[in-house]
C-alpha atoms as a PDB file:
ATOM      1  CA  MET A   1      16.157  13.372  11.178  1.00  0.00           C
ATOM      2  CA  SER A   2      14.233  13.204  14.422  1.00  0.00           C
ATOM      3  CA  GLU A   3      15.881  14.444  17.588  1.00  0.00           C
ATOM      4  CA  GLU A   4      15.157  11.096  19.245  1.00  0.00           C
ATOM      5  CA  LEU A   5      17.601   9.389  16.931  1.00  0.00           C
ATOM      6  CA  PRO A   6      19.730   7.379  17.382  1.00  0.00           C
ATOM      7  CA  ARG A   7      17.550   5.245  19.637  1.00  0.00           C
ATOM      8  CA  ARG A   8      18.848   3.341  22.630  1.00  0.00           C
ATOM      9  CA  VAL A   9      18.503  -0.412  22.177  1.00  0.00           C
ATOM     10  CA  PRO A  10      18.808  -3.201  24.768  1.00  0.00           C
ATOM     11  CA  ALA A  11      21.997  -5.223  24.997  1.00  0.00           C
ATOM     12  CA  ARG A  12      20.251  -8.346  23.671  1.00  0.00           C
ATOM     13  CA  ALA A  13      19.704  -6.536  20.361  1.00  0.00           C
ATOM     14  CA  GLY A  14      23.355  -7.161  19.541  1.00  0.00           C
ATOM     15  CA  PHE A  15      22.703 -10.906  19.532  1.00  0.00           C
ATOM     16  CA  GLU A  16      19.431 -10.517  17.662  1.00  0.00           C
ATOM     17  CA  TRP A  17      21.200  -8.654  14.861  1.00  0.00           C
ATOM     18  CA  VAL A  18      23.402 -11.693  14.265  1.00  0.00           C
ATOM     19  CA  THR A  19      20.519 -14.159  14.100  1.00  0.00           C
ATOM     20  CA  GLY A  20      18.534 -11.691  12.001  1.00  0.00           C
ATOM     21  CA  ALA A  21      21.455 -11.207   9.598  1.00  0.00           C
ATOM     22  CA  PHE A  22      21.687 -14.968   9.165  1.00  0.00           C
ATOM     23  CA  ARG A  23      17.991 -15.116   8.309  1.00  0.00           C
ATOM     24  CA  LEU A  24      18.452 -12.365   5.729  1.00  0.00           C
ATOM     25  CA  PHE A  25      21.435 -14.196   4.258  1.00  0.00           C
ATOM     26  CA  ILE A  26      19.662 -17.515   3.780  1.00  0.00           C
ATOM     27  CA  LYS A  27      16.907 -15.761   1.821  1.00  0.00           C
ATOM     28  CA  SER A  28      19.411 -14.906  -0.939  1.00  0.00           C
ATOM     29  CA  PRO A  29      22.721 -16.675  -0.283  1.00  0.00           C
ATOM     30  CA  LEU A  30      23.900 -16.919  -3.888  1.00  0.00           C
ATOM     31  CA  MET A  31      23.418 -13.244  -4.718  1.00  0.00           C
ATOM     32  CA  LEU A  32      24.907 -12.046  -1.432  1.00  0.00           C
ATOM     33  CA  GLY A  33      27.828 -14.471  -1.745  1.00  0.00           C
ATOM     34  CA  ALA A  34      28.523 -13.407  -5.331  1.00  0.00           C
ATOM     35  CA  ALA A  35      28.314  -9.727  -4.396  1.00  0.00           C
ATOM     36  CA  SER A  36      30.696 -10.337  -1.498  1.00  0.00           C
ATOM     37  CA  ALA A  37      33.172 -12.002  -3.865  1.00  0.00           C
ATOM     38  CA  ILE A  38      33.030  -8.966  -6.163  1.00  0.00           C
ATOM     39  CA  PHE A  39      33.310  -6.596  -3.185  1.00  0.00           C
ATOM     40  CA  LEU A  40      36.335  -8.351  -1.695  1.00  0.00           C
ATOM     41  CA  GLY A  41      37.925  -8.846  -5.106  1.00  0.00           C
ATOM     42  CA  ALA A  42      37.573  -5.161  -5.953  1.00  0.00           C
ATOM     43  CA  LEU A  43      39.212  -4.145  -2.670  1.00  0.00           C
ATOM     44  CA  LEU A  44      42.043  -6.609  -3.266  1.00  0.00           C
ATOM     45  CA  ILE A  45      42.663  -5.303  -6.773  1.00  0.00           C
ATOM     46  CA  LEU A  46      42.677  -1.719  -5.515  1.00  0.00           C
ATOM     47  CA  GLN A  47      45.228  -2.645  -2.852  1.00  0.00           C
ATOM     48  CA  LEU A  48      47.574  -3.806  -5.625  1.00  0.00           C
ATOM     49  CA  ILE A  49      47.677  -0.358  -7.233  1.00  0.00           C
ATOM     50  CA  PRO A  50      50.988   1.262  -6.207  1.00  0.00           C
ATOM     51  CA  TYR A  51      50.836   4.250  -3.863  1.00  0.00           C
ATOM     52  CA  ALA A  52      47.182   5.240  -4.393  1.00  0.00           C
ATOM     53  CA  GLY A  53      45.510   1.826  -4.157  1.00  0.00           C
ATOM     54  CA  ALA A  54      44.946   1.692  -0.409  1.00  0.00           C
ATOM     55  CA  ALA A  55      43.598   5.257  -0.379  1.00  0.00           C
ATOM     56  CA  LEU A  56      41.199   4.505  -3.238  1.00  0.00           C
ATOM     57  CA  ALA A  57      39.966   1.421  -1.398  1.00  0.00           C
ATOM     58  CA  GLU A  58      39.102   3.485   1.687  1.00  0.00           C
ATOM     59  CA  ILE A  59      37.308   6.127  -0.377  1.00  0.00           C
ATOM     60  CA  LEU A  60      35.256   3.601  -2.365  1.00  0.00           C
ATOM     61  CA  THR A  61      34.394   1.310   0.561  1.00  0.00           C
ATOM     62  CA  PRO A  62      31.409   3.406   1.790  1.00  0.00           C
ATOM     63  CA  MET A  63      29.897   3.224  -1.714  1.00  0.00           C
ATOM     64  CA  LEU A  64      30.257  -0.559  -1.746  1.00  0.00           C
ATOM     65  CA  LEU A  65      28.813  -0.837   1.757  1.00  0.00           C
ATOM     66  CA  ALA A  66      25.861   1.363   0.806  1.00  0.00           C
ATOM     67  CA  GLY A  67      25.062  -1.110  -1.967  1.00  0.00           C
ATOM     68  CA  PHE A  68      24.869  -3.933   0.545  1.00  0.00           C
ATOM     69  CA  MET A  69      22.616  -1.821   2.773  1.00  0.00           C
ATOM     70  CA  ARG A  70      20.274  -1.298  -0.176  1.00  0.00           C
ATOM     71  CA  ALA A  71      20.306  -5.020  -0.991  1.00  0.00           C
ATOM     72  CA  PHE A  72      19.490  -5.931   2.599  1.00  0.00           C
ATOM     73  CA  ARG A  73      16.647  -3.409   2.538  1.00  0.00           C
ATOM     74  CA  ALA A  74      15.218  -5.209  -0.510  1.00  0.00           C
ATOM     75  CA  ILE A  75      15.466  -8.597   1.216  1.00  0.00           C
ATOM     76  CA  ASP A  76      13.966  -7.162   4.393  1.00  0.00           C
ATOM     77  CA  GLU A  77      10.989  -5.924   2.382  1.00  0.00           C
ATOM     78  CA  GLY A  78      10.441  -9.367   0.838  1.00  0.00           C
ATOM     79  CA  SER A  79      12.067  -8.732  -2.538  1.00  0.00           C
ATOM     80  CA  GLU A  80      14.980 -10.396  -4.281  1.00  0.00           C
ATOM     81  CA  PRO A  81      18.156  -8.296  -4.314  1.00  0.00           C
ATOM     82  CA  GLU A  82      19.316  -7.366  -7.794  1.00  0.00           C
ATOM     83  CA  LEU A  83      22.662  -6.161  -9.114  1.00  0.00           C
ATOM     84  CA  PRO A  84      21.491  -2.513  -9.348  1.00  0.00           C
ATOM     85  CA  HIS A  85      20.855  -2.604  -5.596  1.00  0.00           C
ATOM     86  CA  PHE A  86      24.528  -3.334  -4.957  1.00  0.00           C
ATOM     87  CA  ALA A  87      25.483  -0.372  -7.141  1.00  0.00           C
ATOM     88  CA  ALA A  88      23.218   2.024  -5.232  1.00  0.00           C
ATOM     89  CA  GLY A  89      26.169   3.800  -3.640  1.00  0.00           C
ATOM     90  CA  PHE A  90      27.583   4.621  -7.066  1.00  0.00           C
ATOM     91  CA  ARG A  91      24.260   5.454  -8.712  1.00  0.00           C
ATOM     92  CA  THR A  92      23.131   7.892  -6.002  1.00  0.00           C
ATOM     93  CA  HIS A  93      24.937   9.700  -3.175  1.00  0.00           C
ATOM     94  CA  ALA A  94      28.342   8.875  -4.670  1.00  0.00           C
ATOM     95  CA  ALA A  95      29.924  12.197  -3.689  1.00  0.00           C
ATOM     96  CA  PRO A  96      28.900  12.219   0.000  1.00  0.00           C
ATOM     97  CA  LEU A  97      29.770   8.529   0.380  1.00  0.00           C
ATOM     98  CA  ALA A  98      33.190   9.151  -1.144  1.00  0.00           C
ATOM     99  CA  MET A  99      33.609  12.058   1.265  1.00  0.00           C
ATOM    100  CA  VAL A 100      32.868   9.734   4.198  1.00  0.00           C
ATOM    101  CA  GLY A 101      35.664   7.485   2.956  1.00  0.00           C
ATOM    102  CA  ALA A 102      38.007  10.428   2.442  1.00  0.00           C
ATOM    103  CA  ILE A 103      37.375  11.773   5.949  1.00  0.00           C
ATOM    104  CA  TYR A 104      37.960   8.317   7.423  1.00  0.00           C
ATOM    105  CA  LEU A 105      41.173   8.022   5.412  1.00  0.00           C
ATOM    106  CA  GLY A 106      42.331  11.412   6.679  1.00  0.00           C
ATOM    107  CA  ILE A 107      41.662  10.368  10.272  1.00  0.00           C
ATOM    108  CA  LEU A 108      43.599   7.120   9.792  1.00  0.00           C
ATOM    109  CA  LEU A 109      46.547   8.948   8.260  1.00  0.00           C
ATOM    110  CA  ALA A 110      46.567  11.403  11.159  1.00  0.00           C
ATOM    111  CA  ILE A 111      46.565   8.511  13.643  1.00  0.00           C
ATOM    112  CA  LEU A 112      49.397   6.751  11.771  1.00  0.00           C
ATOM    113  CA  TRP A 113      51.418   9.983  11.737  1.00  0.00           C
ATOM    114  CA  LEU A 114      50.881  10.516  15.462  1.00  0.00           C
ATOM    115  CA  MET A 115      51.782   6.923  16.312  1.00  0.00           C
ATOM    116  CA  LYS A 116      54.943   7.134  14.203  1.00  0.00           C
ATOM    117  CA  LEU A 117      55.924  10.276  16.088  1.00  0.00           C
ATOM    118  CA  LEU A 118      55.415   8.369  19.347  1.00  0.00           C
ATOM    119  CA  GLY A 119      57.512   5.441  18.155  1.00  0.00           C
ATOM    120  CA  VAL A 120      55.125   2.912  16.587  1.00  0.00           C
ATOM    121  CA  ASP A 121      55.416   2.686  12.796  1.00  0.00           C
ATOM    122  CA  TYR A 122      52.452   0.580  11.655  1.00  0.00           C
ATOM    123  CA  PRO A 123      53.307   0.656   7.904  1.00  0.00           C
ATOM    124  CA  ALA A 124      56.829  -0.537   8.688  1.00  0.00           C
ATOM    125  CA  MET A 125      55.391  -3.325  10.826  1.00  0.00           C
ATOM    126  CA  MET A 126      53.104  -4.471   8.009  1.00  0.00           C
ATOM    127  CA  GLN A 127      55.992  -4.419   5.556  1.00  0.00           C
ATOM    128  CA  ALA A 128      58.099  -6.488   7.935  1.00  0.00           C
ATOM    129  CA  ILE A 129      55.284  -9.040   8.222  1.00  0.00           C
ATOM    130  CA  GLN A 130      54.981  -9.234   4.438  1.00  0.00           C
ATOM    131  CA  GLU A 131      58.730  -9.780   4.196  1.00  0.00           C
ATOM    132  CA  GLY A 132      58.509 -12.727   6.572  1.00  0.00           C
ATOM    133  CA  ALA A 133      59.587 -11.223   9.876  1.00  0.00           C
ATOM    134  CA  SER A 134      59.359 -13.735  12.710  1.00  0.00           C
ATOM    135  CA  PRO A 135      56.960 -13.240  15.655  1.00  0.00           C
ATOM    136  CA  GLU A 136      59.989 -13.030  17.929  1.00  0.00           C
ATOM    137  CA  GLN A 137      61.432 -10.175  15.888  1.00  0.00           C
ATOM    138  CA  LEU A 138      58.129  -8.296  15.912  1.00  0.00           C
ATOM    139  CA  ALA A 139      57.778  -8.813  19.658  1.00  0.00           C
ATOM    140  CA  GLN A 140      61.287  -7.452  20.164  1.00  0.00           C
ATOM    141  CA  ASP A 141      60.503  -4.367  18.049  1.00  0.00           C
ATOM    142  CA  LEU A 142      57.337  -3.727  20.094  1.00  0.00           C
ATOM    143  CA  GLU A 143      58.903  -4.335  23.488  1.00  0.00           C
ATOM    144  CA  GLY A 144      57.845  -1.641  25.927  1.00  0.00           C
ATOM    145  CA  LYS A 145      55.309  -0.175  23.506  1.00  0.00           C
ATOM    146  CA  GLY A 146      52.162  -1.857  24.830  1.00  0.00           C
ATOM    147  CA  ALA A 147      50.677   1.414  26.066  1.00  0.00           C
ATOM    148  CA  LEU A 148      51.227   3.016  22.672  1.00  0.00           C
ATOM    149  CA  LEU A 149      49.509   0.110  20.926  1.00  0.00           C
ATOM    150  CA  LEU A 150      46.512   0.537  23.222  1.00  0.00           C
ATOM    151  CA  LEU A 151      46.505   4.254  22.471  1.00  0.00           C
ATOM    152  CA  GLY A 152      46.450   3.520  18.746  1.00  0.00           C
ATOM    153  CA  LEU A 153      43.523   1.143  19.216  1.00  0.00           C
ATOM    154  CA  ALA A 154      41.702   3.708  21.363  1.00  0.00           C
ATOM    155  CA  LEU A 155      42.057   6.271  18.567  1.00  0.00           C
ATOM    156  CA  VAL A 156      40.981   3.922  15.775  1.00  0.00           C
ATOM    157  CA  ILE A 157      37.819   2.633  17.476  1.00  0.00           C
ATOM    158  CA  PRO A 158      35.982   6.010  17.341  1.00  0.00           C
ATOM    159  CA  ALA A 159      36.993   6.397  13.690  1.00  0.00           C
ATOM    160  CA  VAL A 160      35.489   3.003  12.858  1.00  0.00           C
ATOM    161  CA  ALA A 161      32.388   3.809  14.929  1.00  0.00           C
ATOM    162  CA  ALA A 162      31.929   7.058  13.014  1.00  0.00           C
ATOM    163  CA  THR A 163      31.822   5.191   9.710  1.00  0.00           C
ATOM    164  CA  TRP A 164      29.921   2.031  10.726  1.00  0.00           C
ATOM    165  CA  TYR A 165      26.428   3.386  10.099  1.00  0.00           C
ATOM    166  CA  ALA A 166      27.416   6.353   7.931  1.00  0.00           C
ATOM    167  CA  PRO A 167      26.794   4.672   4.525  1.00  0.00           C
ATOM    168  CA  ALA A 168      23.225   3.749   5.505  1.00  0.00           C
ATOM    169  CA  LEU A 169      22.604   7.218   6.957  1.00  0.00           C
ATOM    170  CA  VAL A 170      23.771   8.855   3.738  1.00  0.00           C
ATOM    171  CA  LEU A 171      21.895   6.471   1.447  1.00  0.00           C
ATOM    172  CA  PHE A 172      18.607   6.169   3.343  1.00  0.00           C
ATOM    173  CA  GLY A 173      18.549   9.368   5.386  1.00  0.00           C
ATOM    174  CA  ASN A 174      20.263  11.777   2.942  1.00  0.00           C
ATOM    175  CA  ALA A 175      22.605  12.819   5.739  1.00  0.00           C
ATOM    176  CA  HIS A 176      25.637  14.946   4.943  1.00  0.00           C
ATOM    177  CA  PRO A 177      29.006  13.185   5.443  1.00  0.00           C
ATOM    178  CA  LEU A 178      29.941  14.857   8.726  1.00  0.00           C
ATOM    179  CA  GLN A 179      26.370  14.609  10.000  1.00  0.00           C
ATOM    180  CA  ALA A 180      26.273  10.896   9.132  1.00  0.00           C
ATOM    181  CA  MET A 181      29.595  10.231  10.824  1.00  0.00           C
ATOM    182  CA  GLY A 182      28.578  12.182  13.901  1.00  0.00           C
ATOM    183  CA  LEU A 183      25.299  10.283  14.182  1.00  0.00           C
ATOM    184  CA  SER A 184      27.065   6.960  13.657  1.00  0.00           C
ATOM    185  CA  LEU A 185      29.551   7.762  16.402  1.00  0.00           C
ATOM    186  CA  LYS A 186      26.729   8.844  18.709  1.00  0.00           C
ATOM    187  CA  ALA A 187      24.806   5.639  17.988  1.00  0.00           C
ATOM    188  CA  CYS A 188      27.809   3.489  18.819  1.00  0.00           C
ATOM    189  CA  ALA A 189      28.544   5.419  22.004  1.00  0.00           C
ATOM    190  CA  ARG A 190      24.907   5.311  23.121  1.00  0.00           C
ATOM    191  CA  ASN A 191      24.597   1.583  22.373  1.00  0.00           C
ATOM    192  CA  TRP A 192      28.090   0.352  23.174  1.00  0.00           C
ATOM    193  CA  LEU A 193      26.779  -2.570  25.241  1.00  0.00           C
ATOM    194  CA  ALA A 194      24.633  -3.884  22.380  1.00  0.00           C
ATOM    195  CA  LEU A 195      27.619  -3.535  20.041  1.00  0.00           C
ATOM    196  CA  LEU A 196      29.832  -5.409  22.514  1.00  0.00           C
ATOM    197  CA  VAL A 197      27.293  -8.241  22.654  1.00  0.00           C
ATOM    198  CA  ASN A 198      27.123  -8.105  18.857  1.00  0.00           C
ATOM    199  CA  GLY A 199      30.893  -8.474  18.594  1.00  0.00           C
ATOM    200  CA  LEU A 200      30.910 -11.448  20.944  1.00  0.00           C
ATOM    201  CA  ALA A 201      28.032 -13.078  19.075  1.00  0.00           C
ATOM    202  CA  LEU A 202      29.952 -12.629  15.820  1.00  0.00           C
ATOM    203  CA  ILE A 203      32.928 -14.680  17.034  1.00  0.00           C
ATOM    204  CA  PRO A 204      31.628 -17.886  15.363  1.00  0.00           C
ATOM    205  CA  VAL A 205      31.138 -15.869  12.172  1.00  0.00           C
ATOM    206  CA  PHE A 206      34.750 -14.636  12.359  1.00  0.00           C
ATOM    207  CA  LEU A 207      35.853 -18.257  12.711  1.00  0.00           C
ATOM    208  CA  LEU A 208      33.689 -19.176   9.733  1.00  0.00           C
ATOM    209  CA  ALA A 209      35.593 -16.592   7.690  1.00  0.00           C
ATOM    210  CA  LEU A 210      38.755 -18.697   8.133  1.00  0.00           C
ATOM    211  CA  ILE A 211      37.323 -21.501   5.976  1.00  0.00           C
ATOM    212  CA  PRO A 212      39.132 -21.313   2.614  1.00  0.00           C
ATOM    213  CA  LEU A 213      37.256 -20.007  -0.418  1.00  0.00           C
ATOM    214  CA  ILE A 214      33.675 -19.931   0.893  1.00  0.00           C
ATOM    215  CA  GLY A 215      34.178 -18.729   4.459  1.00  0.00           C
ATOM    216  CA  MET A 216      34.352 -15.011   3.734  1.00  0.00           C
ATOM    217  CA  LEU A 217      31.534 -15.242   1.178  1.00  0.00           C
ATOM    218  CA  VAL A 218      29.221 -16.291   4.008  1.00  0.00           C
ATOM    219  CA  ALA A 219      30.777 -14.359   6.874  1.00  0.00           C
ATOM    220  CA  ALA A 220      30.999 -10.983   5.114  1.00  0.00           C
ATOM    221  CA  PRO A 221      27.266 -10.709   4.294  1.00  0.00           C
ATOM    222  CA  ILE A 222      26.319 -11.756   7.820  1.00  0.00           C
ATOM    223  CA  MET A 223      28.621  -9.131   9.356  1.00  0.00           C
ATOM    224  CA  LEU A 224      27.259  -6.455   7.015  1.00  0.00           C
ATOM    225  CA  GLY A 225      23.737  -7.650   7.757  1.00  0.00           C
ATOM    226  CA  THR A 226      24.251  -6.864  11.422  1.00  0.00           C
ATOM    227  CA  ALA A 227      25.192  -3.303  10.416  1.00  0.00           C
ATOM    228  CA  TYR A 228      21.965  -2.994   8.430  1.00  0.00           C
ATOM    229  CA  LEU A 229      19.855  -4.321  11.292  1.00  0.00           C
ATOM    230  CA  GLY A 230      21.659  -2.066  13.755  1.00  0.00           C
ATOM    231  CA  TYR A 231      20.839   0.892  11.540  1.00  0.00           C
ATOM    232  CA  GLN A 232      17.224  -0.215  11.367  1.00  0.00           C
ATOM    233  CA  ALA A 233      17.009  -0.496  15.156  1.00  0.00           C
ATOM    234  CA  MET A 234      18.643   2.842  15.909  1.00  0.00           C
ATOM    235  CA  PHE A 235      17.613   5.077  13.024  1.00  0.00           C
ATOM    236  CA  ALA A 236      14.859   3.720  10.762  1.00  0.00           C
ATOM    237  CA  TYR A 237      11.406   5.197  11.054  1.00  0.00           C
ATOM    238  CA  LYS A 238       9.159   2.591  12.628  1.00  0.00           C
ATOM    239  CA  ASP A 239       6.116   3.351  10.510  1.00  0.00           C
ATOM    240  CA  SER A 240       7.605   2.899   7.049  1.00  0.00           C
ATOM    241  CA  GLY A 241      11.294   2.187   7.399  1.00  0.00           C
ATOM    242  CA  ALA A 242      14.065   4.683   6.795  1.00  0.00           C
ATOM    243  CA  ARG A 243      13.255   7.100   4.047  1.00  0.00           C
ATOM    244  CA  ASP A 244      14.888   6.372   0.687  1.00  0.00           C
END
């Protein structure tokens, strides 16, 4: 990969990725919606597997995301996305993509362990919510722990940033897992203002996701489309696109 990468992009690019993702979505809404249903359904089923389900979901997620990146590449080039495109992360680069997920999982587990040591037990909180704990009870349990919650968020954000563009970098750029995660983190740090604008511009999309049944099937592809367009802006070769 060129030393100039990742590129710096203007702040307005964050908004343009949202409008561009919407344009990509409306070119193939049925296929992207159906793929999103399968994607979300697969993650839900994995979560139901005792003990190992959540870990498997994290490991497989980069493969699923790589499939969406390949599908968006097809749409961007004027083609119709096909089911094999969505399986690209399993057909090629499966091992490095799984490693990206495993590294991310390891980072999350380390953060959860550290936060538990400091007095914030996130798994226990989630279990309490599932068991119907009241907001008042949760607020009481978290009283005086605001700084720790901010610390946890501050630790998670770089982990997410390191994986945001990693699937595309592995699939299109043949990057090694650690190299892909390092480049993704660098891209997010270098273009944090564009990503902030992108997050603000996505607020209506997040609200759209709250619509029962169809909301997530529209919102998820648009959110993933912004990741594809961000990759294109920061990493893809301008003459012929990122190398497959």
